[in-house]
Amino acid sequence: MTHSLRLALAASAAFGFAAGPALSQAQETAIVAGGCFWCVEADFEKMAGVAEVYSGFTGGTVANPSYEQVTDGGTGHYEAARIIYDPAKVSYDQLMYAFFRSVNPTDPGGQFCDRGDSYRTAIFVRNAAERRSAERAKAQAAADLGQTIVTPILDAGPFYDADAYHQDYYKQGDLILTRFGPRSKASAYKLYRDSCGRDQRVRDLWGNAAPFVNH
């Protein structure tokens, strides 16, 4: 499944700003961009201590952007994920460590088969403590790979949740029409992820340190 097919799967979706449910006192938020937000969501929802992950957009100048606006370019937005987690069970440091090892942070042009500014990697921090943690994780990733890490660490701004069509896409059973015929969203997602080569590239880059792929 190519990027163009992924766009086609989402062509009929409408978007709106959603604040999401209120966080409990025990929960915190981390915001990252790692290419396809379906994939980032699917990865981090596997992680112990993560309560929920929301797909959306951030980093740009257009309020309440549509999927097509973002992927066509010009909004400044990244496809991103808003990770809700329990800091008593998983730390921000651990999330950052896992994030770098779930992407190719040496690629300035996108991620895997998804090319363009909206698919670049980034970390969006809300305070000085998060920035220090993200910088430590970035330095460790550079040392471990022996390569330059291009992932920027940016101040967090408004986050626009994608609508329900995109949330938990990887596990939805709704049928959609693809070039392979009718498929569930979960099946279409797997075809997309496999054909995009995401897991293989992460495995090649990070080896046994990659937290979300089978070795």
C-alpha atoms as a PDB file:
ATOM      1  CA  MET A   1       0.000   0.000   0.000  1.00  0.00           C
ATOM      2  CA  THR A   2       1.546   3.248  -1.148  1.00  0.00           C
ATOM      3  CA  HIS A   3       1.298   6.710   0.350  1.00  0.00           C
ATOM      4  CA  SER A   4      -1.216   7.626  -2.377  1.00  0.00           C
ATOM      5  CA  LEU A   5      -3.430   4.711  -1.351  1.00  0.00           C
ATOM      6  CA  ARG A   6      -3.185   5.781   2.264  1.00  0.00           C
ATOM      7  CA  LEU A   7      -4.389   9.231   1.208  1.00  0.00           C
ATOM      8  CA  ALA A   8      -7.254   7.626  -0.685  1.00  0.00           C
ATOM      9  CA  LEU A   9      -8.325   5.643   2.369  1.00  0.00           C
ATOM     10  CA  ALA A  10      -8.677   8.883   4.297  1.00  0.00           C
ATOM     11  CA  ALA A  11     -10.102  11.068   1.556  1.00  0.00           C
ATOM     12  CA  SER A  12     -13.649  11.052   2.871  1.00  0.00           C
ATOM     13  CA  ALA A  13     -12.774  11.823   6.494  1.00  0.00           C
ATOM     14  CA  ALA A  14     -13.732  15.151   8.071  1.00  0.00           C
ATOM     15  CA  PHE A  15     -11.607  16.737  10.761  1.00  0.00           C
ATOM     16  CA  GLY A  16     -12.173  18.958  13.769  1.00  0.00           C
ATOM     17  CA  PHE A  17     -10.365  20.152  16.821  1.00  0.00           C
ATOM     18  CA  ALA A  18     -10.914  17.934  19.817  1.00  0.00           C
ATOM     19  CA  ALA A  19      -9.485  18.543  23.236  1.00  0.00           C
ATOM     20  CA  GLY A  20      -9.920  14.895  24.217  1.00  0.00           C
ATOM     21  CA  PRO A  21     -10.993  13.641  27.621  1.00  0.00           C
ATOM     22  CA  ALA A  22      -9.641  15.376  30.685  1.00  0.00           C
ATOM     23  CA  LEU A  23      -6.523  13.809  32.140  1.00  0.00           C
ATOM     24  CA  SER A  24      -6.655  12.290  35.588  1.00  0.00           C
ATOM     25  CA  GLN A  25      -4.245  13.665  38.176  1.00  0.00           C
ATOM     26  CA  ALA A  26      -2.056  10.601  37.620  1.00  0.00           C
ATOM     27  CA  GLN A  27      -1.667  11.151  33.872  1.00  0.00           C
ATOM     28  CA  GLU A  28       0.721  13.214  31.765  1.00  0.00           C
ATOM     29  CA  THR A  29       1.047  13.941  28.044  1.00  0.00           C
ATOM     30  CA  ALA A  30       3.917  13.506  25.589  1.00  0.00           C
ATOM     31  CA  ILE A  31       3.721  14.704  21.978  1.00  0.00           C
ATOM     32  CA  VAL A  32       5.861  13.264  19.181  1.00  0.00           C
ATOM     33  CA  ALA A  33       5.855  13.092  15.390  1.00  0.00           C
ATOM     34  CA  GLY A  34       7.158   9.910  13.818  1.00  0.00           C
ATOM     35  CA  GLY A  35       5.775   9.763  10.309  1.00  0.00           C
ATOM     36  CA  CYS A  36       2.434   8.001   9.840  1.00  0.00           C
ATOM     37  CA  PHE A  37       0.404   8.726  12.965  1.00  0.00           C
ATOM     38  CA  TRP A  38      -1.451   5.414  12.644  1.00  0.00           C
ATOM     39  CA  CYS A  39       1.885   3.666  13.172  1.00  0.00           C
ATOM     40  CA  VAL A  40       3.027   5.817  16.094  1.00  0.00           C
ATOM     41  CA  GLU A  41      -0.327   5.279  17.783  1.00  0.00           C
ATOM     42  CA  ALA A  42      -0.166   1.510  17.243  1.00  0.00           C
ATOM     43  CA  ASP A  43       3.380   1.359  18.600  1.00  0.00           C
ATOM     44  CA  PHE A  44       2.928   3.338  21.788  1.00  0.00           C
ATOM     45  CA  GLU A  45      -0.387   1.786  22.729  1.00  0.00           C
ATOM     46  CA  LYS A  46       1.634  -1.413  23.234  1.00  0.00           C
ATOM     47  CA  MET A  47       3.783   0.226  25.905  1.00  0.00           C
ATOM     48  CA  ALA A  48       3.099  -0.485  29.567  1.00  0.00           C
ATOM     49  CA  GLY A  49       1.981   2.645  31.376  1.00  0.00           C
ATOM     50  CA  VAL A  50       0.488   4.278  28.259  1.00  0.00           C
ATOM     51  CA  ALA A  51      -3.246   4.775  28.710  1.00  0.00           C
ATOM     52  CA  GLU A  52      -4.165   6.089  25.241  1.00  0.00           C
ATOM     53  CA  VAL A  53      -2.640   7.637  22.135  1.00  0.00           C
ATOM     54  CA  TYR A  54      -4.430  10.117  19.882  1.00  0.00           C
ATOM     55  CA  SER A  55      -3.529  10.785  16.250  1.00  0.00           C
ATOM     56  CA  GLY A  56      -3.517  14.405  15.148  1.00  0.00           C
ATOM     57  CA  PHE A  57      -1.606  17.418  13.895  1.00  0.00           C
ATOM     58  CA  THR A  58       0.674  19.999  15.490  1.00  0.00           C
ATOM     59  CA  GLY A  59       3.544  22.373  14.795  1.00  0.00           C
ATOM     60  CA  GLY A  60       1.892  24.446  12.107  1.00  0.00           C
ATOM     61  CA  THR A  61       0.058  27.719  11.648  1.00  0.00           C
ATOM     62  CA  VAL A  62      -3.355  26.592  10.341  1.00  0.00           C
ATOM     63  CA  ALA A  63      -6.083  26.078  12.944  1.00  0.00           C
ATOM     64  CA  ASN A  64      -8.093  22.864  12.730  1.00  0.00           C
ATOM     65  CA  PRO A  65      -6.410  21.599   9.537  1.00  0.00           C
ATOM     66  CA  SER A  66      -7.793  18.809   7.399  1.00  0.00           C
ATOM     67  CA  TYR A  67      -5.776  15.693   6.614  1.00  0.00           C
ATOM     68  CA  GLU A  68      -5.542  16.760   2.978  1.00  0.00           C
ATOM     69  CA  GLN A  69      -4.291  20.222   3.927  1.00  0.00           C
ATOM     70  CA  VAL A  70      -1.541  18.777   6.085  1.00  0.00           C
ATOM     71  CA  THR A  71      -0.353  16.097   3.672  1.00  0.00           C
ATOM     72  CA  ASP A  72      -0.528  18.459   0.682  1.00  0.00           C
ATOM     73  CA  GLY A  73       1.899  20.759   2.495  1.00  0.00           C
ATOM     74  CA  GLY A  74       1.970  24.423   3.379  1.00  0.00           C
ATOM     75  CA  THR A  75       0.358  24.268   6.838  1.00  0.00           C
ATOM     76  CA  GLY A  76       3.599  23.634   8.732  1.00  0.00           C
ATOM     77  CA  HIS A  77       1.898  20.815  10.625  1.00  0.00           C
ATOM     78  CA  TYR A  78       3.326  17.401  11.360  1.00  0.00           C
ATOM     79  CA  GLU A  79       1.311  14.204  11.641  1.00  0.00           C
ATOM     80  CA  ALA A  80       1.756  13.642  15.353  1.00  0.00           C
ATOM     81  CA  ALA A  81       0.667  11.573  18.320  1.00  0.00           C
ATOM     82  CA  ARG A  82      -0.523  12.736  21.729  1.00  0.00           C
ATOM     83  CA  ILE A  83       0.521  10.056  24.230  1.00  0.00           C
ATOM     84  CA  ILE A  84      -1.362   9.897  27.536  1.00  0.00           C
ATOM     85  CA  TYR A  85       0.670   8.037  30.144  1.00  0.00           C
ATOM     86  CA  ASP A  86       0.943   7.304  33.853  1.00  0.00           C
ATOM     87  CA  PRO A  87       4.312   8.608  35.099  1.00  0.00           C
ATOM     88  CA  ALA A  88       4.160   6.154  37.999  1.00  0.00           C
ATOM     89  CA  LYS A  89       4.363   3.322  35.441  1.00  0.00           C
ATOM     90  CA  VAL A  90       6.456   4.764  32.628  1.00  0.00           C
ATOM     91  CA  SER A  91       8.663   7.852  32.616  1.00  0.00           C
ATOM     92  CA  TYR A  92       9.017  10.575  30.011  1.00  0.00           C
ATOM     93  CA  ASP A  93      12.649   9.467  29.664  1.00  0.00           C
ATOM     94  CA  GLN A  94      11.497   5.955  28.765  1.00  0.00           C
ATOM     95  CA  LEU A  95       9.013   7.282  26.220  1.00  0.00           C
ATOM     96  CA  MET A  96      11.715   9.361  24.552  1.00  0.00           C
ATOM     97  CA  TYR A  97      14.147   6.449  24.487  1.00  0.00           C
ATOM     98  CA  ALA A  98      11.482   4.258  22.838  1.00  0.00           C
ATOM     99  CA  PHE A  99      10.451   6.978  20.413  1.00  0.00           C
ATOM    100  CA  PHE A 100      13.888   7.392  18.866  1.00  0.00           C
ATOM    101  CA  ARG A 101      14.158   3.621  18.429  1.00  0.00           C
ATOM    102  CA  SER A 102      10.768   3.387  16.726  1.00  0.00           C
ATOM    103  CA  VAL A 103      11.694   5.732  13.846  1.00  0.00           C
ATOM    104  CA  ASN A 104      14.564   6.659  11.556  1.00  0.00           C
ATOM    105  CA  PRO A 105      15.718   9.907  13.202  1.00  0.00           C
ATOM    106  CA  THR A 106      18.472  10.388  10.600  1.00  0.00           C
ATOM    107  CA  ASP A 107      15.988  11.031   7.746  1.00  0.00           C
ATOM    108  CA  PRO A 108      15.208  14.736   7.124  1.00  0.00           C
ATOM    109  CA  GLY A 109      12.674  14.134   4.347  1.00  0.00           C
ATOM    110  CA  GLY A 110       9.965  12.052   5.994  1.00  0.00           C
ATOM    111  CA  GLN A 111       9.684   8.500   7.244  1.00  0.00           C
ATOM    112  CA  PHE A 112      10.060   5.352   5.175  1.00  0.00           C
ATOM    113  CA  CYS A 113       7.680   5.467   2.160  1.00  0.00           C
ATOM    114  CA  ASP A 114       5.945   8.630   3.420  1.00  0.00           C
ATOM    115  CA  ARG A 115       7.811  11.673   2.130  1.00  0.00           C
ATOM    116  CA  GLY A 116       7.309  15.360   2.781  1.00  0.00           C
ATOM    117  CA  ASP A 117       7.415  17.821   5.640  1.00  0.00           C
ATOM    118  CA  SER A 118       4.312  16.516   7.411  1.00  0.00           C
ATOM    119  CA  TYR A 119       5.980  13.102   7.842  1.00  0.00           C
ATOM    120  CA  ARG A 120       9.192  14.333   9.457  1.00  0.00           C
ATOM    121  CA  THR A 121      10.105  13.371  13.003  1.00  0.00           C
ATOM    122  CA  ALA A 122       9.931  15.840  15.888  1.00  0.00           C
ATOM    123  CA  ILE A 123       9.409  16.044  19.643  1.00  0.00           C
ATOM    124  CA  PHE A 124       7.173  18.768  21.081  1.00  0.00           C
ATOM    125  CA  VAL A 125       8.041  19.715  24.654  1.00  0.00           C
ATOM    126  CA  ARG A 126       5.917  21.630  27.157  1.00  0.00           C
ATOM    127  CA  ASN A 127       8.517  22.614  29.740  1.00  0.00           C
ATOM    128  CA  ALA A 128      12.228  22.703  30.557  1.00  0.00           C
ATOM    129  CA  ALA A 129      12.226  19.249  32.160  1.00  0.00           C
ATOM    130  CA  GLU A 130      10.786  17.648  29.019  1.00  0.00           C
ATOM    131  CA  ARG A 131      13.309  19.489  26.865  1.00  0.00           C
ATOM    132  CA  ARG A 132      16.226  18.214  28.973  1.00  0.00           C
ATOM    133  CA  SER A 133      14.875  14.682  28.763  1.00  0.00           C
ATOM    134  CA  ALA A 134      14.369  14.886  25.007  1.00  0.00           C
ATOM    135  CA  GLU A 135      17.854  16.327  24.507  1.00  0.00           C
ATOM    136  CA  ARG A 136      19.371  13.488  26.554  1.00  0.00           C
ATOM    137  CA  ALA A 137      17.484  10.915  24.497  1.00  0.00           C
ATOM    138  CA  LYS A 138      18.570  12.575  21.262  1.00  0.00           C
ATOM    139  CA  ALA A 139      22.211  12.611  22.340  1.00  0.00           C
ATOM    140  CA  GLN A 140      22.010   8.947  23.337  1.00  0.00           C
ATOM    141  CA  ALA A 141      20.450   8.030  19.988  1.00  0.00           C
ATOM    142  CA  ALA A 142      23.267   9.855  18.162  1.00  0.00           C
ATOM    143  CA  ALA A 143      25.877   8.054  20.244  1.00  0.00           C
ATOM    144  CA  ASP A 144      24.251   4.650  19.747  1.00  0.00           C
ATOM    145  CA  LEU A 145      23.928   5.062  15.972  1.00  0.00           C
ATOM    146  CA  GLY A 146      27.096   7.056  15.392  1.00  0.00           C
ATOM    147  CA  GLN A 147      25.059   9.256  13.058  1.00  0.00           C
ATOM    148  CA  THR A 148      23.594  12.753  13.057  1.00  0.00           C
ATOM    149  CA  ILE A 149      20.060  12.908  14.459  1.00  0.00           C
ATOM    150  CA  VAL A 150      17.903  15.405  12.563  1.00  0.00           C
ATOM    151  CA  THR A 151      14.811  15.184  14.804  1.00  0.00           C
ATOM    152  CA  PRO A 152      14.140  18.681  16.174  1.00  0.00           C
ATOM    153  CA  ILE A 153      12.956  19.374  19.708  1.00  0.00           C
ATOM    154  CA  LEU A 154      10.296  22.074  19.479  1.00  0.00           C
ATOM    155  CA  ASP A 155       8.082  23.986  21.879  1.00  0.00           C
ATOM    156  CA  ALA A 156       4.617  22.452  22.022  1.00  0.00           C
ATOM    157  CA  GLY A 157       1.708  24.407  20.583  1.00  0.00           C
ATOM    158  CA  PRO A 158      -1.919  23.545  19.850  1.00  0.00           C
ATOM    159  CA  PHE A 159      -2.588  19.894  19.050  1.00  0.00           C
ATOM    160  CA  TYR A 160      -5.512  19.136  16.748  1.00  0.00           C
ATOM    161  CA  ASP A 161      -6.902  15.638  17.140  1.00  0.00           C
ATOM    162  CA  ALA A 162      -7.837  13.850  13.930  1.00  0.00           C
ATOM    163  CA  ASP A 163     -11.431  12.669  13.985  1.00  0.00           C
ATOM    164  CA  ALA A 164     -12.659   9.186  14.901  1.00  0.00           C
ATOM    165  CA  TYR A 165     -11.942   7.802  11.413  1.00  0.00           C
ATOM    166  CA  HIS A 166      -8.217   7.923  12.200  1.00  0.00           C
ATOM    167  CA  GLN A 167      -8.179   7.048  15.894  1.00  0.00           C
ATOM    168  CA  ASP A 168      -7.130   3.437  16.608  1.00  0.00           C
ATOM    169  CA  TYR A 169      -7.109   2.861  12.850  1.00  0.00           C
ATOM    170  CA  TYR A 170      -4.848  -0.167  13.242  1.00  0.00           C
ATOM    171  CA  LYS A 171      -7.463  -2.157  15.156  1.00  0.00           C
ATOM    172  CA  GLN A 172     -10.755  -1.055  13.598  1.00  0.00           C
ATOM    173  CA  GLY A 173     -12.909  -3.674  11.906  1.00  0.00           C
ATOM    174  CA  ASP A 174     -14.833  -1.247   9.664  1.00  0.00           C
ATOM    175  CA  LEU A 175     -14.744  -2.309   6.018  1.00  0.00           C
ATOM    176  CA  ILE A 176     -13.271   0.068   3.460  1.00  0.00           C
ATOM    177  CA  LEU A 177     -12.638  -0.308  -0.267  1.00  0.00           C
ATOM    178  CA  THR A 178      -8.978  -0.628  -1.260  1.00  0.00           C
ATOM    179  CA  ARG A 179      -7.196  -1.581  -4.469  1.00  0.00           C
ATOM    180  CA  PHE A 180      -7.104  -5.095  -3.009  1.00  0.00           C
ATOM    181  CA  GLY A 181     -10.892  -5.141  -2.607  1.00  0.00           C
ATOM    182  CA  PRO A 182     -12.946  -4.668   0.587  1.00  0.00           C
ATOM    183  CA  ARG A 183     -10.778  -4.879   3.691  1.00  0.00           C
ATOM    184  CA  SER A 184     -11.090  -3.992   7.325  1.00  0.00           C
ATOM    185  CA  LYS A 185      -9.171  -0.918   8.403  1.00  0.00           C
ATOM    186  CA  ALA A 186      -6.964  -3.186  10.503  1.00  0.00           C
ATOM    187  CA  SER A 187      -6.118  -5.319   7.460  1.00  0.00           C
ATOM    188  CA  ALA A 188      -5.539  -2.262   5.261  1.00  0.00           C
ATOM    189  CA  TYR A 189      -3.284  -0.785   7.928  1.00  0.00           C
ATOM    190  CA  LYS A 190      -1.172  -3.947   8.073  1.00  0.00           C
ATOM    191  CA  LEU A 191      -0.824  -3.973   4.291  1.00  0.00           C
ATOM    192  CA  TYR A 192       0.219  -0.327   4.345  1.00  0.00           C
ATOM    193  CA  ARG A 193       2.753  -0.803   7.144  1.00  0.00           C
ATOM    194  CA  ASP A 194       4.282  -3.896   5.562  1.00  0.00           C
ATOM    195  CA  SER A 195       4.519  -2.385   2.073  1.00  0.00           C
ATOM    196  CA  CYS A 196       5.982   0.824   3.484  1.00  0.00           C
ATOM    197  CA  GLY A 197       8.848  -1.170   5.017  1.00  0.00           C
ATOM    198  CA  ARG A 198       8.647   0.625   8.346  1.00  0.00           C
ATOM    199  CA  ASP A 199       9.434  -2.328  10.608  1.00  0.00           C
ATOM    200  CA  GLN A 200      12.200  -3.662   8.403  1.00  0.00           C
ATOM    201  CA  ARG A 201      13.945  -0.291   8.255  1.00  0.00           C
ATOM    202  CA  VAL A 202      13.636   0.219  12.016  1.00  0.00           C
ATOM    203  CA  ARG A 203      14.968  -3.290  12.575  1.00  0.00           C
ATOM    204  CA  ASP A 204      17.879  -2.673  10.211  1.00  0.00           C
ATOM    205  CA  LEU A 205      18.726   0.602  11.926  1.00  0.00           C
ATOM    206  CA  TRP A 206      18.246  -0.288  15.594  1.00  0.00           C
ATOM    207  CA  GLY A 207      18.497  -4.085  15.743  1.00  0.00           C
ATOM    208  CA  ASN A 208      17.445  -5.573  19.064  1.00  0.00           C
ATOM    209  CA  ALA A 209      17.054  -2.095  20.584  1.00  0.00           C
ATOM    210  CA  ALA A 210      13.904  -1.473  18.493  1.00  0.00           C
ATOM    211  CA  PRO A 211      11.086  -1.829  21.036  1.00  0.00           C
ATOM    212  CA  PHE A 212       8.029  -2.349  18.835  1.00  0.00           C
ATOM    213  CA  VAL A 213       9.093  -4.729  16.059  1.00  0.00           C
ATOM    214  CA  ASN A 214       9.528  -8.473  16.081  1.00  0.00           C
ATOM    215  CA  HIS A 215      13.128  -9.603  15.801  1.00  0.00           C
END
